[in-house]
C-alpha atoms as a PDB file:
ATOM      1  CA  MET A   1     -49.276  38.529 -46.952  1.00  0.00           C
ATOM      2  CA  ILE A   2     -46.799  40.737 -46.141  1.00  0.00           C
ATOM      3  CA  ILE A   3     -45.819  42.957 -48.751  1.00  0.00           C
ATOM      4  CA  HIS A   4     -43.080  45.566 -49.350  1.00  0.00           C
ATOM      5  CA  LEU A   5     -43.741  48.585 -51.297  1.00  0.00           C
ATOM      6  CA  LYS A   6     -40.826  50.443 -52.549  1.00  0.00           C
ATOM      7  CA  GLU A   7     -40.699  54.380 -52.922  1.00  0.00           C
ATOM      8  CA  VAL A   8     -44.272  55.007 -51.935  1.00  0.00           C
ATOM      9  CA  ILE A   9     -43.434  58.822 -51.467  1.00  0.00           C
ATOM     10  CA  SER A  10     -41.105  60.634 -53.469  1.00  0.00           C
ATOM     11  CA  LYS A  11     -37.848  62.060 -52.080  1.00  0.00           C
ATOM     12  CA  ASP A  12     -39.460  65.588 -52.323  1.00  0.00           C
ATOM     13  CA  GLU A  13     -42.661  64.472 -50.550  1.00  0.00           C
ATOM     14  CA  LEU A  14     -40.331  62.757 -47.854  1.00  0.00           C
ATOM     15  CA  GLN A  15     -38.435  66.035 -47.217  1.00  0.00           C
ATOM     16  CA  SER A  16     -41.805  68.014 -46.815  1.00  0.00           C
ATOM     17  CA  ILE A  17     -43.062  65.552 -44.353  1.00  0.00           C
ATOM     18  CA  ARG A  18     -39.857  65.388 -42.509  1.00  0.00           C
ATOM     19  CA  THR A  19     -39.751  69.156 -42.047  1.00  0.00           C
ATOM     20  CA  ILE A  20     -43.062  69.401 -40.594  1.00  0.00           C
ATOM     21  CA  LEU A  21     -42.722  66.518 -38.255  1.00  0.00           C
ATOM     22  CA  GLU A  22     -39.480  67.627 -36.998  1.00  0.00           C
ATOM     23  CA  SER A  23     -40.545  71.564 -36.811  1.00  0.00           C
ATOM     24  CA  PRO A  24     -40.490  73.015 -33.102  1.00  0.00           C
ATOM     25  CA  GLY A  25     -44.331  73.645 -33.079  1.00  0.00           C
ATOM     26  CA  THR A  26     -45.295  70.341 -34.151  1.00  0.00           C
ATOM     27  CA  PRO A  27     -47.983  68.875 -31.673  1.00  0.00           C
ATOM     28  CA  TRP A  28     -46.784  65.580 -30.642  1.00  0.00           C
ATOM     29  CA  ILE A  29     -48.699  63.972 -27.786  1.00  0.00           C
ATOM     30  CA  GLU A  30     -48.417  60.718 -25.504  1.00  0.00           C
ATOM     31  CA  GLY A  31     -49.277  57.857 -27.627  1.00  0.00           C
ATOM     32  CA  LYS A  32     -51.334  55.997 -24.894  1.00  0.00           C
ATOM     33  CA  LYS A  33     -54.063  58.818 -25.236  1.00  0.00           C
ATOM     34  CA  THR A  34     -55.170  57.348 -28.566  1.00  0.00           C
ATOM     35  CA  ALA A  35     -54.832  53.692 -27.355  1.00  0.00           C
ATOM     36  CA  GLY A  36     -57.634  51.186 -26.121  1.00  0.00           C
ATOM     37  CA  THR A  37     -57.618  49.988 -22.761  1.00  0.00           C
ATOM     38  CA  GLN A  38     -55.357  46.989 -23.294  1.00  0.00           C
ATOM     39  CA  ALA A  39     -53.087  48.750 -25.839  1.00  0.00           C
ATOM     40  CA  GLN A  40     -52.199  51.469 -23.208  1.00  0.00           C
ATOM     41  CA  LEU A  41     -50.657  48.852 -20.991  1.00  0.00           C
ATOM     42  CA  VAL A  42     -48.008  48.294 -23.855  1.00  0.00           C
ATOM     43  CA  LYS A  43     -47.832  51.594 -25.772  1.00  0.00           C
ATOM     44  CA  ASN A  44     -45.135  54.019 -24.958  1.00  0.00           C
ATOM     45  CA  ASN A  45     -44.379  56.540 -28.109  1.00  0.00           C
ATOM     46  CA  GLU A  46     -45.431  59.715 -29.253  1.00  0.00           C
ATOM     47  CA  GLN A  47     -48.252  60.312 -31.772  1.00  0.00           C
ATOM     48  CA  LEU A  48     -48.951  63.671 -33.773  1.00  0.00           C
ATOM     49  CA  GLN A  49     -52.264  65.354 -32.890  1.00  0.00           C
ATOM     50  CA  SER A  50     -54.815  64.108 -35.346  1.00  0.00           C
ATOM     51  CA  GLY A  51     -56.829  67.183 -35.567  1.00  0.00           C
ATOM     52  CA  SER A  52     -53.966  69.433 -36.253  1.00  0.00           C
ATOM     53  CA  GLU A  53     -53.099  71.397 -39.209  1.00  0.00           C
ATOM     54  CA  GLN A  54     -50.081  69.591 -39.661  1.00  0.00           C
ATOM     55  CA  ALA A  55     -51.770  66.157 -39.694  1.00  0.00           C
ATOM     56  CA  LYS A  56     -54.270  67.522 -42.258  1.00  0.00           C
ATOM     57  CA  ARG A  57     -51.493  68.609 -44.647  1.00  0.00           C
ATOM     58  CA  LEU A  58     -49.362  65.238 -44.145  1.00  0.00           C
ATOM     59  CA  ARG A  59     -52.152  62.972 -44.690  1.00  0.00           C
ATOM     60  CA  LYS A  60     -52.935  64.672 -48.062  1.00  0.00           C
ATOM     61  CA  ILE A  61     -49.428  63.880 -49.211  1.00  0.00           C
ATOM     62  CA  VAL A  62     -49.676  60.459 -48.166  1.00  0.00           C
ATOM     63  CA  LEU A  63     -52.977  59.714 -49.617  1.00  0.00           C
ATOM     64  CA  ASP A  64     -52.088  61.194 -52.775  1.00  0.00           C
ATOM     65  CA  ALA A  65     -49.114  58.903 -53.022  1.00  0.00           C
ATOM     66  CA  LEU A  66     -51.097  55.701 -52.217  1.00  0.00           C
ATOM     67  CA  LYS A  67     -53.618  56.859 -55.203  1.00  0.00           C
ATOM     68  CA  ARG A  68     -50.579  56.818 -57.805  1.00  0.00           C
ATOM     69  CA  ASN A  69     -49.121  53.614 -56.498  1.00  0.00           C
ATOM     70  CA  PRO A  70     -50.482  50.525 -58.410  1.00  0.00           C
ATOM     71  CA  ILE A  71     -48.812  47.912 -56.312  1.00  0.00           C
ATOM     72  CA  PHE A  72     -50.728  49.477 -53.479  1.00  0.00           C
ATOM     73  CA  PHE A  73     -53.924  49.117 -55.189  1.00  0.00           C
ATOM     74  CA  ALA A  74     -53.346  45.468 -56.677  1.00  0.00           C
ATOM     75  CA  ALA A  75     -52.169  44.220 -53.056  1.00  0.00           C
ATOM     76  CA  ALA A  76     -54.746  46.076 -51.005  1.00  0.00           C
ATOM     77  CA  LEU A  77     -57.946  46.533 -53.609  1.00  0.00           C
ATOM     78  CA  PRO A  78     -58.743  49.344 -50.963  1.00  0.00           C
ATOM     79  CA  LYS A  79     -62.430  50.158 -50.468  1.00  0.00           C
ATOM     80  CA  LYS A  80     -61.686  52.608 -47.529  1.00  0.00           C
ATOM     81  CA  ILE A  81     -58.392  54.024 -45.858  1.00  0.00           C
ATOM     82  CA  PHE A  82     -58.118  55.152 -42.457  1.00  0.00           C
ATOM     83  CA  ASN A  83     -56.516  58.532 -42.546  1.00  0.00           C
ATOM     84  CA  PRO A  84     -52.998  58.266 -42.109  1.00  0.00           C
ATOM     85  CA  MET A  85     -51.491  58.901 -38.777  1.00  0.00           C
ATOM     86  CA  PHE A  86     -47.937  59.647 -37.533  1.00  0.00           C
ATOM     87  CA  ASN A  87     -45.896  58.683 -34.790  1.00  0.00           C
ATOM     88  CA  ARG A  88     -42.321  58.991 -33.331  1.00  0.00           C
ATOM     89  CA  TYR A  89     -40.211  56.566 -31.380  1.00  0.00           C
ATOM     90  CA  ARG A  90     -36.948  57.854 -29.519  1.00  0.00           C
ATOM     91  CA  PRO A  91     -35.541  56.874 -26.263  1.00  0.00           C
ATOM     92  CA  GLU A  92     -37.486  58.904 -24.154  1.00  0.00           C
ATOM     93  CA  ALA A  93     -40.759  57.138 -25.754  1.00  0.00           C
ATOM     94  CA  PRO A  94     -39.156  54.092 -27.391  1.00  0.00           C
ATOM     95  CA  THR A  95     -41.705  51.055 -27.826  1.00  0.00           C
ATOM     96  CA  TYR A  96     -45.122  49.672 -28.312  1.00  0.00           C
ATOM     97  CA  GLY A  97     -45.396  46.258 -27.304  1.00  0.00           C
ATOM     98  CA  PRO A  98     -47.082  43.161 -28.575  1.00  0.00           C
ATOM     99  CA  HIS A  99     -50.665  43.999 -29.572  1.00  0.00           C
ATOM    100  CA  ILE A 100     -53.416  43.219 -32.211  1.00  0.00           C
ATOM    101  CA  ASP A 101     -55.215  46.328 -33.982  1.00  0.00           C
ATOM    102  CA  GLY A 102     -58.706  46.634 -33.349  1.00  0.00           C
ATOM    103  CA  ALA A 103     -60.942  45.394 -36.118  1.00  0.00           C
ATOM    104  CA  ILE A 104     -63.209  48.152 -36.504  1.00  0.00           C
ATOM    105  CA  LEU A 105     -61.851  51.634 -36.393  1.00  0.00           C
ATOM    106  CA  TYR A 106     -63.589  54.935 -36.335  1.00  0.00           C
ATOM    107  CA  SER A 107     -61.873  57.843 -38.315  1.00  0.00           C
ATOM    108  CA  HIS A 108     -63.101  61.134 -36.277  1.00  0.00           C
ATOM    109  CA  ASP A 109     -61.400  63.338 -38.887  1.00  0.00           C
ATOM    110  CA  ASP A 110     -63.793  62.065 -41.565  1.00  0.00           C
ATOM    111  CA  SER A 111     -66.694  60.429 -39.303  1.00  0.00           C
ATOM    112  CA  PHE A 112     -66.763  56.857 -40.831  1.00  0.00           C
ATOM    113  CA  TRP A 113     -65.837  53.327 -39.664  1.00  0.00           C
ATOM    114  CA  VAL A 114     -63.171  51.082 -41.159  1.00  0.00           C
ATOM    115  CA  ARG A 115     -62.698  47.355 -40.866  1.00  0.00           C
ATOM    116  CA  GLY A 116     -59.012  46.745 -40.301  1.00  0.00           C
ATOM    117  CA  ASP A 117     -58.418  44.154 -42.961  1.00  0.00           C
ATOM    118  CA  ILE A 118     -54.995  45.471 -43.714  1.00  0.00           C
ATOM    119  CA  SER A 119     -52.507  47.532 -41.660  1.00  0.00           C
ATOM    120  CA  CYS A 120     -50.026  49.642 -43.174  1.00  0.00           C
ATOM    121  CA  THR A 121     -46.522  51.161 -41.825  1.00  0.00           C
ATOM    122  CA  LEU A 122     -44.973  53.822 -44.134  1.00  0.00           C
ATOM    123  CA  PHE A 123     -41.415  54.449 -43.082  1.00  0.00           C
ATOM    124  CA  LEU A 124     -40.290  58.231 -42.787  1.00  0.00           C
ATOM    125  CA  SER A 125     -36.779  57.342 -41.083  1.00  0.00           C
ATOM    126  CA  ASP A 126     -34.011  55.594 -42.527  1.00  0.00           C
ATOM    127  CA  PRO A 127     -32.644  52.592 -40.818  1.00  0.00           C
ATOM    128  CA  ASP A 128     -29.150  54.220 -40.025  1.00  0.00           C
ATOM    129  CA  GLU A 129     -31.052  57.140 -38.320  1.00  0.00           C
ATOM    130  CA  TYR A 130     -31.949  55.088 -35.161  1.00  0.00           C
ATOM    131  CA  ASP A 131     -31.000  51.828 -33.258  1.00  0.00           C
ATOM    132  CA  GLY A 132     -33.890  49.407 -32.445  1.00  0.00           C
ATOM    133  CA  GLY A 133     -37.392  50.274 -33.781  1.00  0.00           C
ATOM    134  CA  GLU A 134     -37.950  47.146 -35.783  1.00  0.00           C
ATOM    135  CA  LEU A 135     -41.563  46.464 -36.750  1.00  0.00           C
ATOM    136  CA  ILE A 136     -42.041  42.763 -35.551  1.00  0.00           C
ATOM    137  CA  VAL A 137     -44.983  41.106 -37.386  1.00  0.00           C
ATOM    138  CA  HIS A 138     -45.984  37.421 -36.434  1.00  0.00           C
ATOM    139  CA  ASP A 139     -47.610  35.216 -39.141  1.00  0.00           C
ATOM    140  CA  VAL A 140     -47.806  32.182 -40.704  1.00  0.00           C
ATOM    141  CA  SER A 141     -44.137  32.128 -42.010  1.00  0.00           C
ATOM    142  CA  GLY A 142     -42.965  32.917 -38.607  1.00  0.00           C
ATOM    143  CA  ILE A 143     -41.491  36.363 -36.864  1.00  0.00           C
ATOM    144  CA  ASN A 144     -40.676  39.054 -39.191  1.00  0.00           C
ATOM    145  CA  ARG A 145     -38.415  41.841 -38.356  1.00  0.00           C
ATOM    146  CA  LEU A 146     -38.981  44.966 -40.677  1.00  0.00           C
ATOM    147  CA  LYS A 147     -36.883  47.911 -40.849  1.00  0.00           C
ATOM    148  CA  LEU A 148     -37.229  49.685 -44.275  1.00  0.00           C
ATOM    149  CA  PRO A 149     -35.712  52.823 -46.314  1.00  0.00           C
ATOM    150  CA  ALA A 150     -37.437  55.932 -45.538  1.00  0.00           C
ATOM    151  CA  GLY A 151     -40.406  56.012 -48.028  1.00  0.00           C
ATOM    152  CA  ASP A 152     -40.824  52.508 -48.167  1.00  0.00           C
ATOM    153  CA  ALA A 153     -44.040  50.863 -46.918  1.00  0.00           C
ATOM    154  CA  ILE A 154     -44.961  47.477 -45.475  1.00  0.00           C
ATOM    155  CA  LEU A 155     -48.418  45.916 -45.892  1.00  0.00           C
ATOM    156  CA  TYR A 156     -49.539  43.228 -43.412  1.00  0.00           C
ATOM    157  CA  PRO A 157     -52.758  41.260 -42.281  1.00  0.00           C
ATOM    158  CA  GLY A 158     -54.670  43.684 -39.686  1.00  0.00           C
ATOM    159  CA  GLY A 159     -55.330  40.589 -37.399  1.00  0.00           C
ATOM    160  CA  SER A 160     -51.534  40.098 -36.805  1.00  0.00           C
ATOM    161  CA  LEU A 161     -49.834  40.166 -33.683  1.00  0.00           C
ATOM    162  CA  HIS A 162     -47.283  43.058 -33.932  1.00  0.00           C
ATOM    163  CA  SER A 163     -44.843  45.582 -32.147  1.00  0.00           C
ATOM    164  CA  VAL A 164     -42.077  47.921 -32.439  1.00  0.00           C
ATOM    165  CA  SER A 165     -38.951  47.139 -30.594  1.00  0.00           C
ATOM    166  CA  PRO A 166     -37.331  49.654 -28.394  1.00  0.00           C
ATOM    167  CA  VAL A 167     -35.681  52.663 -30.111  1.00  0.00           C
ATOM    168  CA  VAL A 168     -32.258  53.150 -28.177  1.00  0.00           C
ATOM    169  CA  ARG A 169     -30.937  55.785 -30.525  1.00  0.00           C
ATOM    170  CA  GLY A 170     -32.167  58.268 -32.633  1.00  0.00           C
ATOM    171  CA  VAL A 171     -35.691  58.938 -33.679  1.00  0.00           C
ATOM    172  CA  ARG A 172     -38.176  56.646 -35.752  1.00  0.00           C
ATOM    173  CA  LEU A 173     -40.839  58.604 -37.778  1.00  0.00           C
ATOM    174  CA  ALA A 174     -43.589  56.731 -39.274  1.00  0.00           C
ATOM    175  CA  SER A 175     -47.011  56.957 -40.895  1.00  0.00           C
ATOM    176  CA  PHE A 176     -49.493  54.192 -40.164  1.00  0.00           C
ATOM    177  CA  PHE A 177     -53.094  53.377 -41.183  1.00  0.00           C
ATOM    178  CA  TRP A 178     -55.629  50.693 -41.921  1.00  0.00           C
ATOM    179  CA  ILE A 179     -57.197  49.628 -45.143  1.00  0.00           C
ATOM    180  CA  GLU A 180     -60.771  47.978 -45.371  1.00  0.00           C
ATOM    181  CA  SER A 181     -60.417  45.777 -48.710  1.00  0.00           C
ATOM    182  CA  MET A 182     -63.130  45.319 -51.462  1.00  0.00           C
ATOM    183  CA  VAL A 183     -61.822  41.614 -50.926  1.00  0.00           C
ATOM    184  CA  ARG A 184     -62.096  40.652 -47.288  1.00  0.00           C
ATOM    185  CA  ASN A 185     -60.559  37.571 -47.380  1.00  0.00           C
ATOM    186  CA  VAL A 186     -56.809  37.542 -47.308  1.00  0.00           C
ATOM    187  CA  GLU A 187     -56.440  34.344 -49.045  1.00  0.00           C
ATOM    188  CA  GLN A 188     -58.577  35.571 -52.077  1.00  0.00           C
ATOM    189  CA  ARG A 189     -56.607  38.678 -52.112  1.00  0.00           C
ATOM    190  CA  LYS A 190     -53.383  36.791 -52.334  1.00  0.00           C
ATOM    191  CA  ILE A 191     -54.790  34.846 -55.459  1.00  0.00           C
ATOM    192  CA  LEU A 192     -55.684  38.182 -57.369  1.00  0.00           C
ATOM    193  CA  PHE A 193     -52.404  39.901 -56.305  1.00  0.00           C
ATOM    194  CA  GLU A 194     -50.464  36.945 -57.567  1.00  0.00           C
ATOM    195  CA  LEU A 195     -52.639  36.397 -60.696  1.00  0.00           C
ATOM    196  CA  ASP A 196     -52.379  40.285 -61.612  1.00  0.00           C
ATOM    197  CA  LYS A 197     -48.670  40.194 -61.335  1.00  0.00           C
ATOM    198  CA  ASN A 198     -48.163  37.487 -63.529  1.00  0.00           C
ATOM    199  CA  ILE A 199     -50.595  38.839 -66.004  1.00  0.00           C
ATOM    200  CA  LEU A 200     -48.429  41.822 -66.140  1.00  0.00           C
ATOM    201  CA  SER A 201     -45.175  40.096 -66.497  1.00  0.00           C
ATOM    202  CA  LEU A 202     -46.713  37.946 -69.194  1.00  0.00           C
ATOM    203  CA  ARG A 203     -47.925  40.919 -70.959  1.00  0.00           C
ATOM    204  CA  SER A 204     -44.335  42.592 -70.695  1.00  0.00           C
ATOM    205  CA  ALA A 205     -42.893  39.555 -71.994  1.00  0.00           C
ATOM    206  CA  ILE A 206     -45.091  38.567 -74.978  1.00  0.00           C
ATOM    207  CA  GLY A 207     -47.117  41.624 -75.639  1.00  0.00           C
ATOM    208  CA  GLU A 208     -51.057  41.507 -75.481  1.00  0.00           C
ATOM    209  CA  CYS A 209     -52.552  38.339 -77.051  1.00  0.00           C
ATOM    210  CA  GLU A 210     -55.576  35.757 -76.754  1.00  0.00           C
ATOM    211  CA  GLN A 211     -54.052  34.483 -73.397  1.00  0.00           C
ATOM    212  CA  THR A 212     -53.395  37.555 -71.584  1.00  0.00           C
ATOM    213  CA  VAL A 213     -57.003  38.792 -72.647  1.00  0.00           C
ATOM    214  CA  ALA A 214     -58.501  35.793 -71.328  1.00  0.00           C
ATOM    215  CA  LEU A 215     -56.406  35.735 -67.927  1.00  0.00           C
ATOM    216  CA  THR A 216     -57.413  39.351 -67.437  1.00  0.00           C
ATOM    217  CA  GLY A 217     -60.925  38.405 -67.876  1.00  0.00           C
ATOM    218  CA  ILE A 218     -60.473  35.861 -65.338  1.00  0.00           C
ATOM    219  CA  TYR A 219     -58.824  38.067 -62.877  1.00  0.00           C
ATOM    220  CA  HIS A 220     -61.943  40.556 -63.215  1.00  0.00           C
ATOM    221  CA  ASN A 221     -64.435  37.834 -62.937  1.00  0.00           C
ATOM    222  CA  LEU A 222     -62.998  36.606 -59.694  1.00  0.00           C
ATOM    223  CA  LEU A 223     -62.856  40.174 -58.648  1.00  0.00           C
ATOM    224  CA  ARG A 224     -66.430  40.543 -59.524  1.00  0.00           C
ATOM    225  CA  LEU A 225     -67.226  37.294 -57.357  1.00  0.00           C
ATOM    226  CA  TRP A 226     -65.249  38.097 -54.544  1.00  0.00           C
ATOM    227  CA  GLY A 227     -65.332  42.120 -54.354  1.00  0.00           C
ATOM    228  CA  ASP A 228     -67.518  44.116 -52.255  1.00  0.00           C
ATOM    229  CA  THR A 229     -67.783  47.860 -52.848  1.00  0.00           C
ATOM    230  CA  LEU A 230     -70.973  48.698 -50.698  1.00  0.00           C
END
């Protein structure tokens, strides 16, 4: 299930993030230093040093934005969120070849483990600011080439083969992180998300009634059946 989340962060938040990321003193490091043995062979980008003060400030902005986004919650049903990280692609460090993210990830900043059920990329540069740099995600529907407006995010299954095509002009800035969902099974999450969307649509069209109350009960009973908060 690939889901496009629009305007996850506000224009003011985006400007604050960009100001920090584009400042001369921002500590960018070679992306390979944060990758596993296999990923090092295909990773050629730059990453914001995760322990820096800049990273801590930016993580709070992104996490606060996610908390107030109802579509993010409905689609991901988050139990844990790996602290958002930030990367930069430019012609000098342009790409990340095909890879699959690790299943279990350790957040050194908060000292906890996260199962990567869902991967997320939050775009921080507009498409016209760079050439190349598409997020390429392989799933059952085929090959998806994604290049979203700044402030928008994409959710996709954590086990998907994906890559970032080479940036040949400009700079591509993004935040990326993983989510451990309360509902581990992707098909169950999809059913819940579709049911939730249709309940909201029905409620908007006809108001609260016996049927919307019953459907809401079905949603929560399925979530009770499939969900895990431990």
